[in-house]
């Protein structure tokens, strides 16, 4: 038995100690974790002894439920910020009517933005994909750069409708989870022989 086969058998023995009805829920919880998501969680479930279809469905469901929560929370936060900024812009317009002190060359008190700090490489790559391919392309290619939870939060913060984000994030989760589960199943079946 080679080391990979031994590692898989040991992991399956460890997973066998967990009741069979609870295993999909563990995979679902793993799918909700950023950077693990549906892709890695489905592999964990399959290597742990779950049917590949059950592992893939549980992992994708956990990932999508987490994305749903992120979309709903981010959407509410964006709505609150937009409402607050509308009120603040009225204050700024009214402040422009007040004469400045003699010799003052400054600007309004609300100057400065959060975009002054540099963006990470993953976020830069995602922004480029969003401009080039739109929401569908950014959602499908986004997991190559950043987790789907982050992708959905960025899309909602930029003003994309919730339904559109959820639709394309769902497509991306299903696509990438399917690709990973089929790849690992083929590798374990034909290469490793487990």
N, C-alpha and C. Protein backbone atom coordinates (compact mmCIF):
# COMPACT_ATOMS: atom_id res chain seq x y z
N UNK A 1 0.86 -1.18 0.00
CA UNK A 1 0.00 0.00 0.00
C UNK A 1 0.90 1.24 0.00
N UNK A 2 0.67 2.15 -0.95
CA UNK A 2 1.49 3.36 -1.01
C UNK A 2 1.03 4.36 0.05
N UNK A 3 1.81 5.41 0.32
CA UNK A 3 1.46 6.36 1.40
C UNK A 3 0.12 7.07 1.19
N UNK A 4 -0.24 7.36 -0.04
CA UNK A 4 -1.51 8.04 -0.28
C UNK A 4 -2.68 7.11 0.04
N UNK A 5 -2.58 5.86 -0.37
CA UNK A 5 -3.64 4.90 -0.05
C UNK A 5 -3.76 4.72 1.45
N UNK A 6 -2.63 4.66 2.13
CA UNK A 6 -2.64 4.50 3.58
C UNK A 6 -3.28 5.71 4.26
N UNK A 7 -2.95 6.92 3.79
CA UNK A 7 -3.54 8.13 4.34
C UNK A 7 -5.06 8.13 4.15
N UNK A 8 -5.51 7.75 2.98
CA UNK A 8 -6.96 7.73 2.69
C UNK A 8 -7.66 6.68 3.56
N UNK A 9 -7.07 5.51 3.69
CA UNK A 9 -7.69 4.47 4.51
C UNK A 9 -7.75 4.91 5.97
N UNK A 10 -6.71 5.54 6.47
CA UNK A 10 -6.71 6.04 7.85
C UNK A 10 -7.77 7.13 8.04
N UNK A 11 -7.90 8.01 7.07
CA UNK A 11 -8.92 9.06 7.15
C UNK A 11 -10.32 8.46 7.12
N UNK A 12 -10.53 7.44 6.29
CA UNK A 12 -11.84 6.79 6.23
C UNK A 12 -12.17 6.07 7.53
N UNK A 13 -11.16 5.48 8.18
CA UNK A 13 -11.40 4.84 9.48
C UNK A 13 -11.77 5.88 10.52
N UNK A 14 -11.13 7.05 10.47
CA UNK A 14 -11.46 8.13 11.40
C UNK A 14 -12.88 8.64 11.14
N UNK A 15 -13.23 8.81 9.86
CA UNK A 15 -14.57 9.29 9.51
C UNK A 15 -15.64 8.25 9.84
N UNK A 16 -15.28 6.97 9.86
CA UNK A 16 -16.25 5.92 10.16
C UNK A 16 -16.73 6.00 11.61
N UNK A 17 -15.99 6.69 12.46
CA UNK A 17 -16.40 6.83 13.85
C UNK A 17 -17.54 7.83 14.01
N UNK A 18 -17.77 8.67 13.00
CA UNK A 18 -18.86 9.64 13.02
C UNK A 18 -20.11 8.95 12.46
N UNK A 19 -21.27 9.11 13.10
CA UNK A 19 -22.49 8.50 12.57
C UNK A 19 -22.74 8.92 11.12
N UNK A 20 -23.19 7.97 10.33
CA UNK A 20 -23.33 8.19 8.89
C UNK A 20 -24.30 9.31 8.55
N UNK A 21 -25.33 9.52 9.34
CA UNK A 21 -26.30 10.58 9.07
C UNK A 21 -25.76 11.98 9.32
N UNK A 22 -24.70 12.06 10.12
CA UNK A 22 -24.13 13.37 10.46
C UNK A 22 -23.04 13.79 9.47
N UNK A 23 -22.44 12.87 8.77
CA UNK A 23 -21.33 13.17 7.85
C UNK A 23 -21.69 14.23 6.82
N UNK A 24 -22.87 14.15 6.16
CA UNK A 24 -23.18 15.20 5.18
C UNK A 24 -23.27 16.59 5.81
N UNK A 25 -23.72 16.67 7.06
CA UNK A 25 -23.81 17.97 7.74
C UNK A 25 -22.42 18.52 8.05
N UNK A 26 -21.49 17.63 8.35
CA UNK A 26 -20.11 18.07 8.58
C UNK A 26 -19.52 18.60 7.28
N UNK A 27 -19.81 17.92 6.19
CA UNK A 27 -19.35 18.39 4.88
C UNK A 27 -20.01 19.72 4.53
N UNK A 28 -21.28 19.86 4.87
CA UNK A 28 -21.99 21.11 4.63
C UNK A 28 -21.36 22.26 5.42
N UNK A 29 -21.03 22.01 6.66
CA UNK A 29 -20.35 23.03 7.47
C UNK A 29 -18.98 23.38 6.90
N UNK A 30 -18.27 22.38 6.43
CA UNK A 30 -16.97 22.64 5.82
C UNK A 30 -17.12 23.47 4.56
N UNK A 31 -18.19 23.24 3.80
CA UNK A 31 -18.43 24.00 2.58
C UNK A 31 -18.74 25.47 2.84
N UNK A 32 -19.17 25.79 4.05
CA UNK A 32 -19.48 27.18 4.40
C UNK A 32 -18.24 27.98 4.78
N UNK A 33 -17.11 27.35 4.93
CA UNK A 33 -15.89 28.03 5.34
C UNK A 33 -15.19 28.63 4.11
N UNK A 34 -14.90 29.94 4.13
CA UNK A 34 -14.17 30.53 3.00
C UNK A 34 -12.83 29.83 2.79
N UNK A 35 -12.41 29.74 1.56
CA UNK A 35 -11.20 29.09 1.09
C UNK A 35 -11.32 27.57 1.07
N UNK A 36 -12.25 26.98 1.81
CA UNK A 36 -12.50 25.54 1.72
C UNK A 36 -13.64 25.34 0.74
N UNK A 37 -14.75 26.00 0.97
CA UNK A 37 -15.91 26.03 0.08
C UNK A 37 -16.35 24.65 -0.38
N UNK A 38 -17.11 24.61 -1.45
CA UNK A 38 -17.65 23.36 -1.95
C UNK A 38 -16.61 22.45 -2.55
N UNK A 39 -15.57 23.05 -3.14
CA UNK A 39 -14.56 22.26 -3.83
C UNK A 39 -13.81 21.34 -2.88
N UNK A 40 -13.24 21.90 -1.83
CA UNK A 40 -12.45 21.10 -0.90
C UNK A 40 -13.35 20.27 0.02
N UNK A 41 -14.49 20.84 0.42
CA UNK A 41 -15.41 20.11 1.30
C UNK A 41 -15.93 18.84 0.64
N UNK A 42 -16.22 18.91 -0.65
CA UNK A 42 -16.69 17.70 -1.34
C UNK A 42 -15.60 16.65 -1.41
N UNK A 43 -14.38 17.08 -1.58
CA UNK A 43 -13.25 16.14 -1.59
C UNK A 43 -13.09 15.50 -0.20
N UNK A 44 -13.21 16.31 0.85
CA UNK A 44 -13.11 15.78 2.21
C UNK A 44 -14.20 14.73 2.44
N UNK A 45 -15.43 15.04 2.02
CA UNK A 45 -16.53 14.10 2.19
C UNK A 45 -16.33 12.83 1.41
N UNK A 46 -15.87 12.96 0.18
CA UNK A 46 -15.69 11.77 -0.65
C UNK A 46 -14.55 10.90 -0.11
N UNK A 47 -13.45 11.53 0.26
CA UNK A 47 -12.34 10.76 0.81
C UNK A 47 -12.73 10.15 2.15
N UNK A 48 -13.63 10.83 2.87
CA UNK A 48 -14.12 10.32 4.14
C UNK A 48 -15.11 9.19 4.03
N UNK A 49 -15.46 8.80 2.80
CA UNK A 49 -16.32 7.64 2.63
C UNK A 49 -17.73 7.95 2.16
N UNK A 50 -18.08 9.20 1.95
CA UNK A 50 -19.41 9.53 1.44
C UNK A 50 -19.48 9.25 -0.06
N UNK A 51 -20.68 8.97 -0.52
CA UNK A 51 -20.93 8.87 -1.95
C UNK A 51 -20.54 10.20 -2.58
N UNK A 52 -19.85 10.22 -3.73
CA UNK A 52 -19.43 11.48 -4.34
C UNK A 52 -20.58 12.45 -4.61
N UNK A 53 -21.75 11.93 -4.98
CA UNK A 53 -22.89 12.81 -5.25
C UNK A 53 -23.39 13.46 -3.96
N UNK A 54 -23.48 12.67 -2.90
CA UNK A 54 -23.92 13.20 -1.60
C UNK A 54 -22.90 14.22 -1.09
N UNK A 55 -21.63 13.90 -1.21
CA UNK A 55 -20.58 14.82 -0.76
C UNK A 55 -20.64 16.13 -1.55
N UNK A 56 -20.83 16.04 -2.86
CA UNK A 56 -20.90 17.24 -3.69
C UNK A 56 -22.12 18.09 -3.39
N UNK A 57 -23.28 17.44 -3.23
CA UNK A 57 -24.51 18.18 -2.90
C UNK A 57 -24.41 18.86 -1.54
N UNK A 58 -23.90 18.14 -0.55
CA UNK A 58 -23.78 18.72 0.79
C UNK A 58 -22.80 19.89 0.80
N UNK A 59 -21.68 19.73 0.13
CA UNK A 59 -20.67 20.80 0.10
C UNK A 59 -21.20 22.02 -0.64
N UNK A 60 -21.85 21.81 -1.77
CA UNK A 60 -22.39 22.93 -2.54
C UNK A 60 -23.51 23.63 -1.77
N UNK A 61 -24.34 22.87 -1.07
CA UNK A 61 -25.42 23.47 -0.27
C UNK A 61 -24.85 24.33 0.85
N UNK A 62 -23.84 23.82 1.55
CA UNK A 62 -23.21 24.61 2.61
C UNK A 62 -22.58 25.88 2.09
N UNK A 63 -21.92 25.79 0.95
CA UNK A 63 -21.29 26.96 0.36
C UNK A 63 -22.35 27.97 -0.07
N UNK A 64 -23.42 27.50 -0.71
CA UNK A 64 -24.46 28.42 -1.18
C UNK A 64 -25.19 29.07 0.00
N UNK A 65 -25.47 28.32 1.05
CA UNK A 65 -26.15 28.91 2.21
C UNK A 65 -25.30 30.01 2.84
N UNK A 66 -24.00 29.80 2.90
CA UNK A 66 -23.11 30.83 3.42
C UNK A 66 -23.11 32.06 2.51
N UNK A 67 -23.06 31.85 1.20
CA UNK A 67 -23.11 32.96 0.25
C UNK A 67 -24.44 33.71 0.39
N UNK A 68 -25.53 32.99 0.58
CA UNK A 68 -26.84 33.61 0.76
C UNK A 68 -26.83 34.54 1.97
N UNK A 69 -26.29 34.08 3.08
CA UNK A 69 -26.20 34.91 4.29
C UNK A 69 -25.34 36.14 4.02
N UNK A 70 -24.20 35.95 3.37
CA UNK A 70 -23.31 37.07 3.06
C UNK A 70 -24.03 38.08 2.17
N UNK A 71 -24.76 37.61 1.16
CA UNK A 71 -25.47 38.51 0.24
C UNK A 71 -26.54 39.30 1.00
N UNK A 72 -27.30 38.63 1.84
CA UNK A 72 -28.36 39.33 2.58
C UNK A 72 -27.79 40.37 3.55
N UNK A 73 -26.74 40.02 4.26
CA UNK A 73 -26.13 40.96 5.21
C UNK A 73 -25.48 42.12 4.48
N UNK A 74 -24.74 41.83 3.42
CA UNK A 74 -24.06 42.88 2.67
C UNK A 74 -25.08 43.81 1.99
N UNK A 75 -26.17 43.25 1.51
CA UNK A 75 -27.19 44.06 0.87
C UNK A 75 -27.82 45.04 1.87
N UNK A 76 -28.10 44.56 3.05
CA UNK A 76 -28.67 45.44 4.08
C UNK A 76 -27.67 46.52 4.49
N UNK A 77 -26.40 46.13 4.61
CA UNK A 77 -25.37 47.10 4.97
C UNK A 77 -25.22 48.16 3.87
N UNK A 78 -25.24 47.73 2.61
CA UNK A 78 -25.12 48.68 1.50
C UNK A 78 -26.30 49.64 1.48
N UNK A 79 -27.50 49.12 1.72
CA UNK A 79 -28.68 49.99 1.75
C UNK A 79 -28.55 51.04 2.85
N UNK A 80 -28.08 50.64 4.01
CA UNK A 80 -27.91 51.58 5.11
C UNK A 80 -26.86 52.64 4.77
N UNK A 81 -25.75 52.23 4.15
CA UNK A 81 -24.69 53.17 3.80
C UNK A 81 -25.17 54.15 2.73
N UNK A 82 -25.90 53.65 1.75
CA UNK A 82 -26.40 54.53 0.68
C UNK A 82 -27.38 55.55 1.26
N UNK A 83 -28.26 55.11 2.14
CA UNK A 83 -29.20 56.05 2.77
C UNK A 83 -28.45 57.09 3.60
N UNK A 84 -27.44 56.63 4.33
CA UNK A 84 -26.65 57.55 5.16
C UNK A 84 -25.90 58.55 4.28
N UNK A 85 -25.34 58.10 3.18
CA UNK A 85 -24.58 58.98 2.29
C UNK A 85 -25.48 59.98 1.59
N UNK A 86 -26.71 59.62 1.31
CA UNK A 86 -27.65 60.58 0.72
C UNK A 86 -27.86 61.75 1.67
N UNK A 87 -28.04 61.44 2.95
CA UNK A 87 -28.20 62.50 3.95
C UNK A 87 -26.93 63.32 4.10
N UNK A 88 -25.79 62.66 4.00
CA UNK A 88 -24.50 63.34 4.14
C UNK A 88 -24.23 64.25 2.94
N UNK A 89 -24.65 63.84 1.74
CA UNK A 89 -24.42 64.67 0.56
C UNK A 89 -25.25 65.95 0.64
N UNK A 90 -26.43 65.88 1.26
CA UNK A 90 -27.22 67.09 1.45
C UNK A 90 -26.51 68.04 2.39
N UNK A 91 -25.88 67.52 3.44
CA UNK A 91 -25.12 68.34 4.37
C UNK A 91 -23.95 68.99 3.64
N UNK A 92 -23.28 68.24 2.77
CA UNK A 92 -22.15 68.78 2.02
C UNK A 92 -22.60 69.89 1.09
N UNK A 93 -23.74 69.72 0.41
CA UNK A 93 -24.25 70.76 -0.47
C UNK A 93 -24.57 72.01 0.33
N UNK A 94 -25.16 71.85 1.50
CA UNK A 94 -25.47 73.00 2.34
C UNK A 94 -24.19 73.65 2.87
N UNK A 95 -23.16 72.86 3.14
CA UNK A 95 -21.90 73.41 3.64
C UNK A 95 -21.20 74.23 2.57
N UNK A 96 -21.43 73.93 1.31
CA UNK A 96 -20.81 74.68 0.22
C UNK A 96 -21.35 76.11 0.18
N UNK A 97 -22.53 76.34 0.72
CA UNK A 97 -23.11 77.67 0.73
C UNK A 97 -22.53 78.56 1.82
N UNK A 98 -21.88 77.98 2.82
CA UNK A 98 -21.30 78.74 3.92
C UNK A 98 -19.94 79.27 3.46
N UNK A 99 -19.67 80.58 3.61
CA UNK A 99 -18.38 81.12 3.16
C UNK A 99 -17.23 80.58 4.01
N UNK A 100 -16.09 80.36 3.37
CA UNK A 100 -14.91 79.85 4.06
C UNK A 100 -14.17 80.98 4.74
N UNK A 101 -13.32 80.63 5.68
CA UNK A 101 -12.49 81.62 6.37
C UNK A 101 -11.52 82.25 5.38
N UNK A 102 -11.11 83.48 5.59
CA UNK A 102 -10.18 84.13 4.67
C UNK A 102 -8.86 83.35 4.57
N UNK A 103 -8.38 83.16 3.39
CA UNK A 103 -7.11 82.46 3.16
C UNK A 103 -7.21 80.95 3.19
N UNK A 104 -8.41 80.40 3.43
CA UNK A 104 -8.57 78.95 3.49
C UNK A 104 -8.70 78.39 2.09
N UNK A 105 -7.83 77.46 1.74
CA UNK A 105 -7.85 76.86 0.41
C UNK A 105 -8.28 75.40 0.45
N UNK A 106 -8.71 74.93 1.58
CA UNK A 106 -9.04 73.51 1.76
C UNK A 106 -10.33 73.13 1.07
N UNK A 107 -10.78 71.92 1.34
CA UNK A 107 -12.01 71.40 0.75
C UNK A 107 -12.98 71.05 1.87
N UNK A 108 -14.05 70.38 1.52
CA UNK A 108 -15.07 70.05 2.52
C UNK A 108 -14.52 69.08 3.56
N UNK A 109 -15.23 68.95 4.64
CA UNK A 109 -14.78 68.10 5.74
C UNK A 109 -14.91 66.62 5.43
N UNK A 110 -15.63 66.30 4.39
CA UNK A 110 -15.90 64.90 4.08
C UNK A 110 -14.95 64.34 3.03
N UNK A 111 -13.78 64.92 2.90
CA UNK A 111 -12.85 64.46 1.88
C UNK A 111 -12.13 63.20 2.34
N UNK A 112 -11.62 62.43 1.41
CA UNK A 112 -10.89 61.20 1.74
C UNK A 112 -11.79 60.01 1.53
N UNK A 113 -11.18 58.90 1.14
CA UNK A 113 -11.98 57.71 0.90
C UNK A 113 -11.21 56.48 1.33
N UNK A 114 -11.92 55.37 1.43
CA UNK A 114 -11.30 54.11 1.82
C UNK A 114 -10.52 53.50 0.66
N UNK A 115 -10.71 54.01 -0.57
CA UNK A 115 -10.04 53.42 -1.72
C UNK A 115 -8.58 53.87 -1.83
N UNK A 116 -8.11 54.70 -0.89
CA UNK A 116 -6.72 55.15 -0.91
C UNK A 116 -5.74 54.03 -0.61
N UNK A 117 -6.17 53.00 0.11
CA UNK A 117 -5.27 51.90 0.44
C UNK A 117 -5.17 50.93 -0.73
N UNK A 118 -4.01 50.31 -0.92
CA UNK A 118 -3.83 49.42 -2.08
C UNK A 118 -4.69 48.16 -1.96
N UNK A 119 -5.12 47.66 -3.13
CA UNK A 119 -5.93 46.44 -3.16
C UNK A 119 -5.02 45.22 -3.25
N UNK A 120 -5.51 44.10 -2.74
CA UNK A 120 -4.76 42.85 -2.83
C UNK A 120 -4.72 42.38 -4.27
N UNK A 121 -3.81 41.47 -4.57
CA UNK A 121 -3.69 40.95 -5.94
C UNK A 121 -4.97 40.22 -6.36
N UNK A 122 -5.55 39.45 -5.44
CA UNK A 122 -6.78 38.73 -5.75
C UNK A 122 -7.92 39.69 -6.07
N UNK A 123 -8.03 40.76 -5.30
CA UNK A 123 -9.10 41.73 -5.54
C UNK A 123 -8.86 42.48 -6.86
N UNK A 124 -7.61 42.79 -7.18
CA UNK A 124 -7.30 43.44 -8.45
C UNK A 124 -7.68 42.54 -9.62
N UNK A 125 -7.33 41.26 -9.51
CA UNK A 125 -7.65 40.30 -10.56
C UNK A 125 -9.17 40.18 -10.71
N UNK A 126 -9.88 40.13 -9.59
CA UNK A 126 -11.34 40.04 -9.63
C UNK A 126 -11.94 41.27 -10.29
N UNK A 127 -11.44 42.46 -9.95
CA UNK A 127 -11.96 43.69 -10.53
C UNK A 127 -11.75 43.71 -12.05
N UNK A 128 -10.61 43.21 -12.49
CA UNK A 128 -10.34 43.13 -13.93
C UNK A 128 -11.33 42.19 -14.61
N UNK A 129 -11.61 41.05 -14.00
CA UNK A 129 -12.56 40.09 -14.56
C UNK A 129 -13.97 40.67 -14.58
N UNK A 130 -14.32 41.42 -13.54
CA UNK A 130 -15.66 42.02 -13.48
C UNK A 130 -15.86 43.01 -14.62
N UNK A 131 -14.85 43.82 -14.88
CA UNK A 131 -14.95 44.79 -15.97
C UNK A 131 -15.00 44.06 -17.32
N UNK A 132 -14.18 43.05 -17.48
CA UNK A 132 -14.06 42.37 -18.77
C UNK A 132 -15.24 41.43 -19.06
N UNK A 133 -15.68 40.63 -18.07
CA UNK A 133 -16.67 39.59 -18.32
C UNK A 133 -18.04 39.83 -17.67
N UNK A 134 -18.18 40.86 -16.86
CA UNK A 134 -19.44 41.13 -16.19
C UNK A 134 -19.65 40.21 -15.00
N UNK A 135 -20.85 40.24 -14.46
CA UNK A 135 -21.17 39.45 -13.27
C UNK A 135 -21.05 37.94 -13.52
N UNK A 136 -21.56 37.41 -14.64
CA UNK A 136 -21.41 35.96 -14.85
C UNK A 136 -19.95 35.52 -14.91
N UNK A 137 -19.14 36.23 -15.65
CA UNK A 137 -17.73 35.86 -15.76
C UNK A 137 -16.98 36.03 -14.45
N UNK A 138 -17.27 37.13 -13.74
CA UNK A 138 -16.60 37.36 -12.47
C UNK A 138 -17.01 36.31 -11.44
N UNK A 139 -18.26 35.89 -11.48
CA UNK A 139 -18.73 34.87 -10.54
C UNK A 139 -18.09 33.51 -10.83
N UNK A 140 -17.99 33.17 -12.11
CA UNK A 140 -17.45 31.86 -12.47
C UNK A 140 -15.93 31.84 -12.33
N UNK A 141 -15.26 32.93 -12.70
CA UNK A 141 -13.80 32.98 -12.59
C UNK A 141 -13.32 33.43 -11.21
N UNK A 142 -14.20 34.06 -10.45
CA UNK A 142 -13.84 34.59 -9.13
C UNK A 142 -13.21 33.59 -8.18
N UNK A 143 -13.72 32.34 -8.10
CA UNK A 143 -13.11 31.39 -7.17
C UNK A 143 -11.65 31.06 -7.47
N UNK A 144 -11.17 31.40 -8.65
CA UNK A 144 -9.75 31.21 -8.94
C UNK A 144 -8.90 32.24 -8.21
N UNK A 145 -9.50 33.36 -7.80
CA UNK A 145 -8.76 34.43 -7.14
C UNK A 145 -9.13 34.58 -5.67
N UNK A 146 -10.43 34.59 -5.37
CA UNK A 146 -10.90 34.80 -4.00
C UNK A 146 -12.12 33.92 -3.75
N UNK A 147 -12.46 33.67 -2.48
CA UNK A 147 -13.62 32.81 -2.17
C UNK A 147 -14.94 33.41 -2.66
N UNK A 148 -15.92 32.55 -2.86
CA UNK A 148 -17.22 32.99 -3.36
C UNK A 148 -17.92 33.94 -2.38
N UNK A 149 -17.66 33.78 -1.09
CA UNK A 149 -18.26 34.69 -0.11
C UNK A 149 -17.74 36.11 -0.33
N UNK A 150 -16.44 36.25 -0.58
CA UNK A 150 -15.86 37.56 -0.82
C UNK A 150 -16.35 38.12 -2.15
N UNK A 151 -16.43 37.26 -3.16
CA UNK A 151 -16.91 37.68 -4.48
C UNK A 151 -18.31 38.23 -4.38
N UNK A 152 -19.19 37.53 -3.69
CA UNK A 152 -20.57 37.99 -3.58
C UNK A 152 -20.66 39.30 -2.80
N UNK A 153 -19.86 39.46 -1.77
CA UNK A 153 -19.87 40.71 -1.01
C UNK A 153 -19.40 41.88 -1.88
N UNK A 154 -18.37 41.67 -2.68
CA UNK A 154 -17.87 42.72 -3.57
C UNK A 154 -18.93 43.09 -4.61
N UNK A 155 -19.57 42.08 -5.17
CA UNK A 155 -20.60 42.35 -6.18
C UNK A 155 -21.77 43.13 -5.60
N UNK A 156 -22.23 42.74 -4.43
CA UNK A 156 -23.34 43.45 -3.79
C UNK A 156 -22.93 44.87 -3.43
N UNK A 157 -21.72 45.03 -2.90
CA UNK A 157 -21.25 46.36 -2.52
C UNK A 157 -21.14 47.28 -3.73
N UNK A 158 -20.89 46.71 -4.91
CA UNK A 158 -20.79 47.53 -6.11
C UNK A 158 -22.15 47.86 -6.71
N UNK A 159 -23.22 47.32 -6.14
CA UNK A 159 -24.56 47.67 -6.58
C UNK A 159 -25.26 46.64 -7.44
N UNK A 160 -24.69 45.47 -7.61
CA UNK A 160 -25.32 44.42 -8.40
C UNK A 160 -26.54 43.88 -7.66
N UNK A 161 -27.65 43.65 -8.35
CA UNK A 161 -28.86 43.13 -7.69
C UNK A 161 -28.62 41.76 -7.03
N UNK A 162 -29.27 41.57 -5.89
CA UNK A 162 -29.11 40.32 -5.12
C UNK A 162 -29.43 39.08 -5.92
N UNK A 163 -30.52 39.09 -6.64
CA UNK A 163 -30.92 37.91 -7.41
C UNK A 163 -29.89 37.52 -8.45
N UNK A 164 -29.32 38.51 -9.12
CA UNK A 164 -28.31 38.26 -10.14
C UNK A 164 -27.06 37.65 -9.52
N UNK A 165 -26.65 38.17 -8.38
CA UNK A 165 -25.47 37.65 -7.68
C UNK A 165 -25.72 36.22 -7.22
N UNK A 166 -26.89 35.97 -6.62
CA UNK A 166 -27.19 34.62 -6.14
C UNK A 166 -27.27 33.62 -7.28
N UNK A 167 -27.86 34.03 -8.40
CA UNK A 167 -27.95 33.13 -9.55
C UNK A 167 -26.56 32.73 -10.02
N UNK A 168 -25.69 33.69 -10.26
CA UNK A 168 -24.38 33.37 -10.83
C UNK A 168 -23.43 32.77 -9.82
N UNK A 169 -23.59 33.10 -8.55
CA UNK A 169 -22.78 32.43 -7.53
C UNK A 169 -23.21 30.97 -7.41
N UNK A 170 -24.51 30.70 -7.52
CA UNK A 170 -24.99 29.32 -7.52
C UNK A 170 -24.44 28.53 -8.68
N UNK A 171 -24.43 29.14 -9.87
CA UNK A 171 -23.87 28.48 -11.05
C UNK A 171 -22.39 28.19 -10.82
N UNK A 172 -21.66 29.16 -10.30
CA UNK A 172 -20.22 28.98 -10.06
C UNK A 172 -19.96 27.89 -9.03
N UNK A 173 -20.74 27.86 -7.96
CA UNK A 173 -20.55 26.85 -6.92
C UNK A 173 -20.81 25.46 -7.48
N UNK A 174 -21.89 25.31 -8.22
CA UNK A 174 -22.21 24.01 -8.82
C UNK A 174 -21.11 23.59 -9.80
N UNK A 175 -20.68 24.52 -10.63
CA UNK A 175 -19.65 24.22 -11.62
C UNK A 175 -18.35 23.78 -10.98
N UNK A 176 -17.83 24.57 -10.05
CA UNK A 176 -16.53 24.26 -9.45
C UNK A 176 -16.59 23.04 -8.53
N UNK A 177 -17.70 22.84 -7.83
CA UNK A 177 -17.84 21.65 -6.99
C UNK A 177 -17.89 20.40 -7.87
N UNK A 178 -18.60 20.48 -8.99
CA UNK A 178 -18.68 19.34 -9.90
C UNK A 178 -17.31 19.03 -10.50
N UNK A 179 -16.60 20.06 -10.93
CA UNK A 179 -15.26 19.85 -11.50
C UNK A 179 -14.33 19.20 -10.47
N UNK A 180 -14.37 19.68 -9.24
CA UNK A 180 -13.47 19.12 -8.22
C UNK A 180 -13.85 17.69 -7.85
N UNK A 181 -15.13 17.40 -7.71
CA UNK A 181 -15.54 16.06 -7.29
C UNK A 181 -15.27 15.04 -8.39
N UNK A 182 -15.50 15.42 -9.65
CA UNK A 182 -15.22 14.50 -10.76
C UNK A 182 -13.72 14.27 -10.90
N UNK A 183 -12.93 15.34 -10.75
CA UNK A 183 -11.47 15.21 -10.86
C UNK A 183 -10.90 14.31 -9.77
N UNK A 184 -11.34 14.52 -8.55
CA UNK A 184 -10.81 13.72 -7.43
C UNK A 184 -11.31 12.28 -7.53
N UNK A 185 -12.57 12.09 -7.93
CA UNK A 185 -13.08 10.73 -8.10
C UNK A 185 -12.25 9.99 -9.15
N UNK A 186 -11.99 10.65 -10.27
CA UNK A 186 -11.19 10.02 -11.33
C UNK A 186 -9.77 9.72 -10.85
N UNK A 187 -9.19 10.67 -10.12
CA UNK A 187 -7.83 10.47 -9.63
C UNK A 187 -7.78 9.32 -8.63
N UNK A 188 -8.73 9.25 -7.71
CA UNK A 188 -8.74 8.18 -6.72
C UNK A 188 -9.04 6.83 -7.36
N UNK A 189 -9.91 6.82 -8.35
CA UNK A 189 -10.29 5.56 -8.98
C UNK A 189 -9.22 5.03 -9.92
N UNK A 190 -8.72 5.88 -10.78
CA UNK A 190 -7.82 5.42 -11.84
C UNK A 190 -6.33 5.55 -11.52
N UNK A 191 -5.97 6.53 -10.68
CA UNK A 191 -4.56 6.74 -10.39
C UNK A 191 -4.15 6.04 -9.10
N UNK A 192 -4.86 6.34 -8.02
CA UNK A 192 -4.50 5.80 -6.71
C UNK A 192 -5.02 4.38 -6.54
N UNK A 193 -6.21 4.11 -7.05
CA UNK A 193 -6.77 2.78 -6.94
C UNK A 193 -7.49 2.51 -5.64
N UNK A 194 -8.09 3.53 -5.08
CA UNK A 194 -8.83 3.37 -3.82
C UNK A 194 -10.30 3.23 -4.12
